[in-house]
Amino acid sequence: MTTGVSLAAAQDQRDQTLGLWLGLVGVVVFALTLPMTRLATGTAEAPQLSPWFVTWGRAALAGALSVVYLLATRSPLPAAQHRKPLALSLLGNAIGYPLLLGWALRYVTASHAAVITALLPLATAAAAAWLLHQRARLGFWLFAGLGSALVAAYSVLRALQQGHGFGLAWADLLLVGAVLAASVGYVAGAKVTPALGAERVISWVCVMALPITVPGALLTWPEQAVNTSAWLALVYVGVFSMWAGFFAWFRGLALGGALRVSQLQLLQPFVSIVAAVPLLGESLDLTTLGFALAVVATVFMGRRMAAPATSSTPKPHKEAP
């Protein structure tokens, strides 16, 4: 009996360790989304692929892979009650987030965007409280407000430093819109995850988007010459950010425990900032790092203040883009 318990404990420990490693892989994959998207779209001064084309192209790539996966696993069609949440997830995660992010990254650095999008876990929890009628304690809302204030202060400070005057940069408004779109899409997808399975949710979202994304990609196909690096970045955000990264992330959550593995998301903004140095030639900026650290601290405290779900609907975990 003791031997059996020891073997089970050892297997559980291996699963938890593997789960943490898979979760870390998922976080790194998603963290690279920001610099890779900027590499794909280029800047306002040196544009590459259109943000419209990047949005349609990445989702079309993920959709093609999803068709293969769903056929290989003989996945049944989603039931009628699952289609509305999947459609909402499609609008938020397959269209809204990448499109707004792509346009914003033409005008701000990936490091800058990492600070704004660090609010995504809190935004997702707030969306869950709103859409799923889950109660959150006052402390959560206080930290959510503090995190939002930090992001606003960072945006205003950067605008002043760049001579744009006192106010929020319009690119930051696009990033806030991207965060809101992604958070609503994640919560909608989480509603049907218990019934369909996490991997099938992201796959069905990408497949349902194909009637939009394939024509969209063809209509916005670039007419000018584009750097090879931009095409490779598009392949990355389509294959990994939009699709394969979720497989590692969800499996990590299942093996290692959602509570423990989800804390790895706190590393994501810093991975984005560091990765932008070799990929884009950005410099490490102490102001950006300081604000990123402060925002991540509010996310950490806010998540600790989030109350358990009070309805029968399962509480969603944050899916990184």
Protein backbone atom coordinates (compact mmCIF):
# COMPACT_ATOMS: atom_id res chain seq x y z
CA MET A 1 0.00 0.00 0.00
CA THR A 2 2.80 2.38 0.95
CA THR A 3 4.58 1.65 -2.31
CA GLY A 4 1.41 2.37 -4.26
CA VAL A 5 0.90 5.68 -2.45
CA SER A 6 4.55 6.62 -3.04
CA LEU A 7 4.27 5.85 -6.75
CA ALA A 8 1.09 7.89 -7.02
CA ALA A 9 2.73 10.78 -5.18
CA ALA A 10 5.78 10.59 -7.43
CA GLN A 11 3.57 10.58 -10.54
CA ASP A 12 1.62 13.55 -9.21
CA GLN A 13 4.86 15.43 -8.63
CA ARG A 14 6.02 14.67 -12.17
CA ASP A 15 2.70 15.86 -13.55
CA GLN A 16 2.94 19.10 -11.58
CA THR A 17 6.51 19.70 -12.75
CA LEU A 18 5.56 18.99 -16.37
CA GLY A 19 2.55 21.26 -15.98
CA LEU A 20 4.74 24.12 -14.81
CA TRP A 21 7.12 23.66 -17.73
CA LEU A 22 4.25 23.53 -20.24
CA GLY A 23 2.73 26.59 -18.62
CA LEU A 24 6.05 28.40 -18.96
CA VAL A 25 6.22 27.41 -22.63
CA GLY A 26 2.74 28.86 -23.13
CA VAL A 27 3.65 32.11 -21.38
CA VAL A 28 6.80 32.54 -23.50
CA VAL A 29 4.86 31.79 -26.69
CA PHE A 30 2.22 34.39 -25.86
CA ALA A 31 4.78 36.94 -24.64
CA LEU A 32 6.47 36.87 -28.05
CA THR A 33 3.16 37.87 -29.67
CA LEU A 34 3.84 41.58 -29.09
CA PRO A 35 7.30 41.83 -30.67
CA MET A 36 6.34 39.40 -33.44
CA THR A 37 3.23 41.40 -34.30
CA ARG A 38 5.28 44.60 -34.50
CA LEU A 39 7.82 42.77 -36.67
CA ALA A 40 4.98 41.69 -38.97
CA THR A 41 3.26 45.08 -39.25
CA GLY A 42 6.34 47.25 -39.18
CA THR A 43 6.17 50.86 -38.02
CA ALA A 44 4.38 53.93 -39.35
CA GLU A 45 7.69 55.03 -40.89
CA ALA A 46 8.55 51.60 -42.33
CA PRO A 47 5.30 49.63 -42.76
CA GLN A 48 5.36 45.96 -43.64
CA LEU A 49 2.21 43.83 -43.61
CA SER A 50 -1.10 45.62 -43.08
CA PRO A 51 -2.63 45.05 -39.61
CA TRP A 52 -5.75 43.97 -41.46
CA PHE A 53 -3.81 41.30 -43.34
CA VAL A 54 -2.01 40.17 -40.18
CA THR A 55 -5.37 39.78 -38.43
CA TRP A 56 -6.96 37.75 -41.23
CA GLY A 57 -3.80 35.87 -42.12
CA ARG A 58 -2.93 34.67 -38.63
CA ALA A 59 -6.49 33.49 -37.99
CA ALA A 60 -6.65 31.75 -41.38
CA LEU A 61 -3.42 29.87 -40.63
CA ALA A 62 -4.76 28.81 -37.24
CA GLY A 63 -8.07 27.86 -38.86
CA ALA A 64 -6.39 25.54 -41.36
CA LEU A 65 -4.51 23.79 -38.55
CA SER A 66 -7.71 23.60 -36.54
CA VAL A 67 -9.54 21.83 -39.35
CA VAL A 68 -6.84 19.13 -39.38
CA TYR A 69 -6.97 18.79 -35.58
CA LEU A 70 -10.76 18.58 -35.36
CA LEU A 71 -10.93 16.01 -38.15
CA ALA A 72 -8.10 13.95 -36.63
CA THR A 73 -9.82 13.91 -33.22
CA ARG A 74 -13.26 13.31 -34.77
CA SER A 75 -14.67 16.21 -32.82
CA PRO A 76 -18.46 16.64 -33.03
CA LEU A 77 -19.97 19.91 -34.15
CA PRO A 78 -20.70 22.39 -31.36
CA ALA A 79 -24.26 22.29 -30.06
CA ALA A 80 -26.58 25.20 -30.77
CA GLN A 81 -26.16 26.66 -27.28
CA HIS A 82 -22.38 26.74 -27.74
CA ARG A 83 -22.35 28.77 -30.94
CA LYS A 84 -23.13 32.20 -29.49
CA PRO A 85 -20.27 32.10 -26.94
CA LEU A 86 -17.94 30.78 -29.65
CA ALA A 87 -18.99 33.62 -31.95
CA LEU A 88 -18.32 36.15 -29.18
CA SER A 89 -14.91 34.60 -28.58
CA LEU A 90 -14.29 34.82 -32.33
CA LEU A 91 -15.06 38.54 -32.38
CA GLY A 92 -12.90 39.25 -29.34
CA ASN A 93 -9.93 36.91 -29.78
CA ALA A 94 -9.68 36.22 -33.51
CA ILE A 95 -10.56 39.70 -34.80
CA GLY A 96 -10.76 42.44 -32.15
CA TYR A 97 -7.59 41.79 -30.19
CA PRO A 98 -5.14 41.16 -33.07
CA LEU A 99 -6.52 43.99 -35.21
CA LEU A 100 -6.37 46.65 -32.49
CA LEU A 101 -2.99 45.34 -31.32
CA GLY A 102 -1.59 45.39 -34.85
CA TRP A 103 -2.57 49.01 -35.47
CA ALA A 104 -1.29 50.13 -32.06
CA LEU A 105 2.07 48.44 -32.54
CA ARG A 106 2.73 50.51 -35.62
CA TYR A 107 2.99 53.54 -33.34
CA VAL A 108 4.30 52.26 -30.00
CA THR A 109 7.05 49.83 -29.09
CA ALA A 110 6.39 46.26 -28.02
CA SER A 111 7.77 47.14 -24.57
CA HIS A 112 5.29 49.99 -24.31
CA ALA A 113 2.42 47.69 -25.31
CA ALA A 114 3.53 45.11 -22.74
CA VAL A 115 2.77 47.57 -19.92
CA ILE A 116 -0.77 48.29 -21.18
CA THR A 117 -1.66 44.67 -21.96
CA ALA A 118 -0.36 43.53 -18.55
CA LEU A 119 -3.84 44.47 -17.31
CA LEU A 120 -5.42 41.61 -19.27
CA PRO A 121 -5.75 39.18 -16.31
CA LEU A 122 -7.61 41.81 -14.27
CA ALA A 123 -9.74 42.79 -17.26
CA THR A 124 -10.66 39.14 -17.76
CA ALA A 125 -11.65 38.77 -14.11
CA ALA A 126 -13.73 41.95 -14.36
CA ALA A 127 -15.41 40.64 -17.52
CA ALA A 128 -16.21 37.41 -15.69
CA ALA A 129 -17.78 39.37 -12.85
CA TRP A 130 -19.88 41.28 -15.36
CA LEU A 131 -20.84 38.58 -17.87
CA LEU A 132 -20.98 35.55 -15.57
CA HIS A 133 -22.37 37.41 -12.56
CA GLN A 134 -19.43 36.40 -10.41
CA ARG A 135 -18.95 38.46 -7.29
CA ALA A 136 -15.57 40.08 -6.62
CA ARG A 137 -14.55 41.65 -3.34
CA LEU A 138 -14.00 45.38 -2.95
CA GLY A 139 -10.24 44.82 -2.76
CA PHE A 140 -10.23 43.39 -6.28
CA TRP A 141 -11.91 46.47 -7.72
CA LEU A 142 -9.54 48.75 -5.80
CA PHE A 143 -6.50 47.00 -7.27
CA ALA A 144 -8.12 46.92 -10.71
CA GLY A 145 -8.62 50.67 -10.45
CA LEU A 146 -5.05 51.17 -9.24
CA GLY A 147 -3.68 49.12 -12.14
CA SER A 148 -5.76 51.12 -14.60
CA ALA A 149 -4.51 54.37 -13.05
CA LEU A 150 -0.90 53.19 -13.40
CA VAL A 151 -1.46 52.37 -17.06
CA ALA A 152 -3.06 55.80 -17.65
CA ALA A 153 -0.17 57.51 -15.86
CA TYR A 154 2.35 55.60 -17.98
CA SER A 155 0.54 56.57 -21.18
CA VAL A 156 0.41 60.25 -20.22
CA LEU A 157 4.06 60.24 -19.15
CA ARG A 158 5.18 58.68 -22.43
CA ALA A 159 3.10 61.17 -24.40
CA LEU A 160 4.72 64.05 -22.54
CA GLN A 161 8.19 62.62 -23.08
CA GLN A 162 7.52 62.35 -26.81
CA GLY A 163 6.14 65.88 -27.05
CA HIS A 164 2.54 64.83 -27.72
CA GLY A 165 1.06 66.90 -24.91
CA PHE A 166 -0.88 65.93 -21.80
CA GLY A 167 -3.30 63.09 -22.56
CA LEU A 168 -3.68 59.47 -23.55
CA ALA A 169 -2.04 58.52 -26.84
CA TRP A 170 -4.54 57.17 -29.34
CA ALA A 171 -2.41 54.04 -29.77
CA ASP A 172 -2.86 53.38 -26.05
CA LEU A 173 -6.61 53.64 -26.52
CA LEU A 174 -6.30 50.96 -29.19
CA LEU A 175 -4.35 48.79 -26.73
CA VAL A 176 -7.03 49.27 -24.08
CA GLY A 177 -9.62 48.26 -26.67
CA ALA A 178 -7.55 45.18 -27.48
CA VAL A 179 -7.44 44.23 -23.79
CA LEU A 180 -11.21 44.65 -23.45
CA ALA A 181 -11.88 42.63 -26.63
CA ALA A 182 -9.62 39.80 -25.52
CA SER A 183 -11.06 39.67 -22.00
CA VAL A 184 -14.65 39.39 -23.23
CA GLY A 185 -13.60 36.76 -25.77
CA TYR A 186 -11.80 34.71 -23.10
CA VAL A 187 -14.78 34.71 -20.79
CA ALA A 188 -17.11 33.70 -23.62
CA GLY A 189 -14.79 30.85 -24.55
CA ALA A 190 -14.53 29.78 -20.92
CA LYS A 191 -18.31 29.36 -20.75
CA VAL A 192 -18.18 26.48 -23.22
CA THR A 193 -14.80 25.03 -22.23
CA PRO A 194 -16.29 22.46 -19.78
CA ALA A 195 -18.49 21.08 -22.55
CA LEU A 196 -16.10 21.19 -25.51
CA GLY A 197 -12.63 21.06 -23.99
CA ALA A 198 -10.18 23.94 -24.13
CA GLU A 199 -8.29 22.81 -27.24
CA ARG A 200 -11.52 22.35 -29.16
CA VAL A 201 -12.78 25.77 -28.14
CA ILE A 202 -9.85 27.61 -29.71
CA SER A 203 -9.98 25.29 -32.72
CA TRP A 204 -13.71 25.83 -33.32
CA VAL A 205 -13.25 29.59 -32.94
CA CYS A 206 -10.60 29.56 -35.66
CA VAL A 207 -12.67 27.28 -37.94
CA MET A 208 -15.81 29.39 -37.53
CA ALA A 209 -13.76 32.44 -38.50
CA LEU A 210 -12.55 30.93 -41.79
CA PRO A 211 -15.43 32.31 -43.94
CA ILE A 212 -14.27 35.77 -42.83
CA THR A 213 -10.53 35.36 -42.48
CA VAL A 214 -9.75 33.61 -45.78
CA PRO A 215 -11.50 36.20 -48.01
CA GLY A 216 -10.14 38.95 -45.75
CA ALA A 217 -6.58 37.68 -46.19
CA LEU A 218 -6.98 37.45 -49.96
CA LEU A 219 -8.49 40.94 -50.24
CA THR A 220 -5.75 42.53 -48.12
CA TRP A 221 -2.83 40.56 -49.57
CA PRO A 222 0.17 42.92 -49.71
CA GLU A 223 0.94 44.47 -53.08
CA GLN A 224 4.32 45.90 -52.10
CA ALA A 225 7.51 44.01 -51.27
CA VAL A 226 7.63 42.78 -47.68
CA ASN A 227 10.62 41.68 -45.65
CA THR A 228 11.06 37.96 -45.06
CA SER A 229 11.14 38.65 -41.32
CA ALA A 230 7.61 40.06 -41.50
CA TRP A 231 6.32 36.89 -43.19
CA LEU A 232 8.06 34.71 -40.60
CA ALA A 233 6.53 36.80 -37.82
CA LEU A 234 3.10 36.31 -39.38
CA VAL A 235 3.63 32.54 -39.42
CA TYR A 236 4.60 32.70 -35.75
CA VAL A 237 1.52 34.61 -34.59
CA GLY A 238 -0.72 32.38 -36.72
CA VAL A 239 0.71 28.99 -35.78
CA PHE A 240 1.87 29.60 -32.23
CA SER A 241 0.19 32.70 -30.74
CA MET A 242 -3.23 31.93 -32.19
CA TRP A 243 -3.23 28.14 -31.91
CA ALA A 244 -0.40 25.89 -30.69
CA GLY A 245 0.43 28.02 -27.65
CA PHE A 246 -3.01 27.30 -26.23
CA PHE A 247 -2.36 23.57 -26.33
CA ALA A 248 0.72 23.88 -24.13
CA TRP A 249 -0.99 26.40 -21.87
CA PHE A 250 -4.19 24.43 -21.32
CA ARG A 251 -2.33 21.17 -20.79
CA GLY A 252 -0.06 22.91 -18.29
CA LEU A 253 -3.07 24.21 -16.37
CA ALA A 254 -4.57 20.72 -16.27
CA LEU A 255 -1.40 18.95 -15.12
CA GLY A 256 0.10 21.53 -12.81
CA GLY A 257 -3.06 23.04 -11.36
CA ALA A 258 -4.68 26.23 -12.62
CA LEU A 259 -3.93 28.21 -9.46
CA ARG A 260 -0.20 27.45 -9.46
CA VAL A 261 0.46 27.53 -13.20
CA SER A 262 -1.59 30.67 -13.85
CA GLN A 263 0.81 32.66 -11.67
CA LEU A 264 3.41 32.24 -14.43
CA GLN A 265 1.42 34.82 -16.40
CA LEU A 266 2.95 37.49 -14.18
CA LEU A 267 6.20 36.91 -16.09
CA GLN A 268 4.62 37.61 -19.48
CA PRO A 269 5.12 41.42 -19.70
CA PHE A 270 8.78 41.09 -18.75
CA VAL A 271 9.38 38.34 -21.31
CA SER A 272 7.82 40.61 -23.96
CA ILE A 273 10.04 43.54 -22.94
CA VAL A 274 13.23 41.46 -22.91
CA ALA A 275 12.39 39.67 -26.18
CA ALA A 276 11.86 42.99 -27.95
CA VAL A 277 15.55 43.83 -27.45
CA PRO A 278 17.03 41.19 -29.83
CA LEU A 279 13.98 40.92 -32.09
CA LEU A 280 13.30 44.62 -32.65
CA GLY A 281 16.38 46.38 -31.37
CA GLU A 282 14.44 48.07 -28.57
CA SER A 283 16.33 49.19 -25.49
CA LEU A 284 15.57 48.28 -21.89
CA ASP A 285 13.94 51.34 -20.40
CA LEU A 286 13.86 51.70 -16.61
CA THR A 287 10.61 53.68 -16.70
CA THR A 288 8.88 50.95 -18.70
CA LEU A 289 10.27 48.20 -16.48
CA GLY A 290 9.20 50.09 -13.36
CA PHE A 291 5.64 50.61 -14.55
CA ALA A 292 5.44 47.00 -15.75
CA LEU A 293 6.51 45.81 -12.30
CA ALA A 294 3.94 48.06 -10.61
CA VAL A 295 1.11 46.92 -12.89
CA VAL A 296 2.04 43.24 -12.41
CA ALA A 297 1.99 43.81 -8.64
CA THR A 298 -1.59 45.12 -8.86
CA VAL A 299 -2.53 42.12 -11.01
CA PHE A 300 -1.04 39.76 -8.42
CA MET A 301 -2.85 41.41 -5.52
CA GLY A 302 -6.07 41.81 -7.49
CA ARG A 303 -6.16 38.13 -8.37
CA ARG A 304 -5.63 37.24 -4.72
CA MET A 305 -8.62 39.42 -3.87
CA ALA A 306 -10.86 37.83 -6.50
CA ALA A 307 -13.60 35.81 -4.83
CA PRO A 308 -14.61 32.31 -5.97
CA ALA A 309 -17.46 32.00 -8.42
CA THR A 310 -20.89 32.32 -6.84
CA SER A 311 -22.85 30.88 -9.72
CA SER A 312 -22.92 27.46 -11.32
CA THR A 313 -20.97 28.78 -14.30
CA PRO A 314 -17.32 27.76 -14.02
CA LYS A 315 -14.85 30.53 -13.31
CA PRO A 316 -12.71 31.17 -16.37
CA HIS A 317 -8.97 31.34 -16.28
CA LYS A 318 -7.18 33.84 -18.40
CA GLU A 319 -6.03 32.66 -21.81
CA ALA A 320 -3.08 34.64 -23.12
CA PRO A 321 -3.17 35.82 -26.69
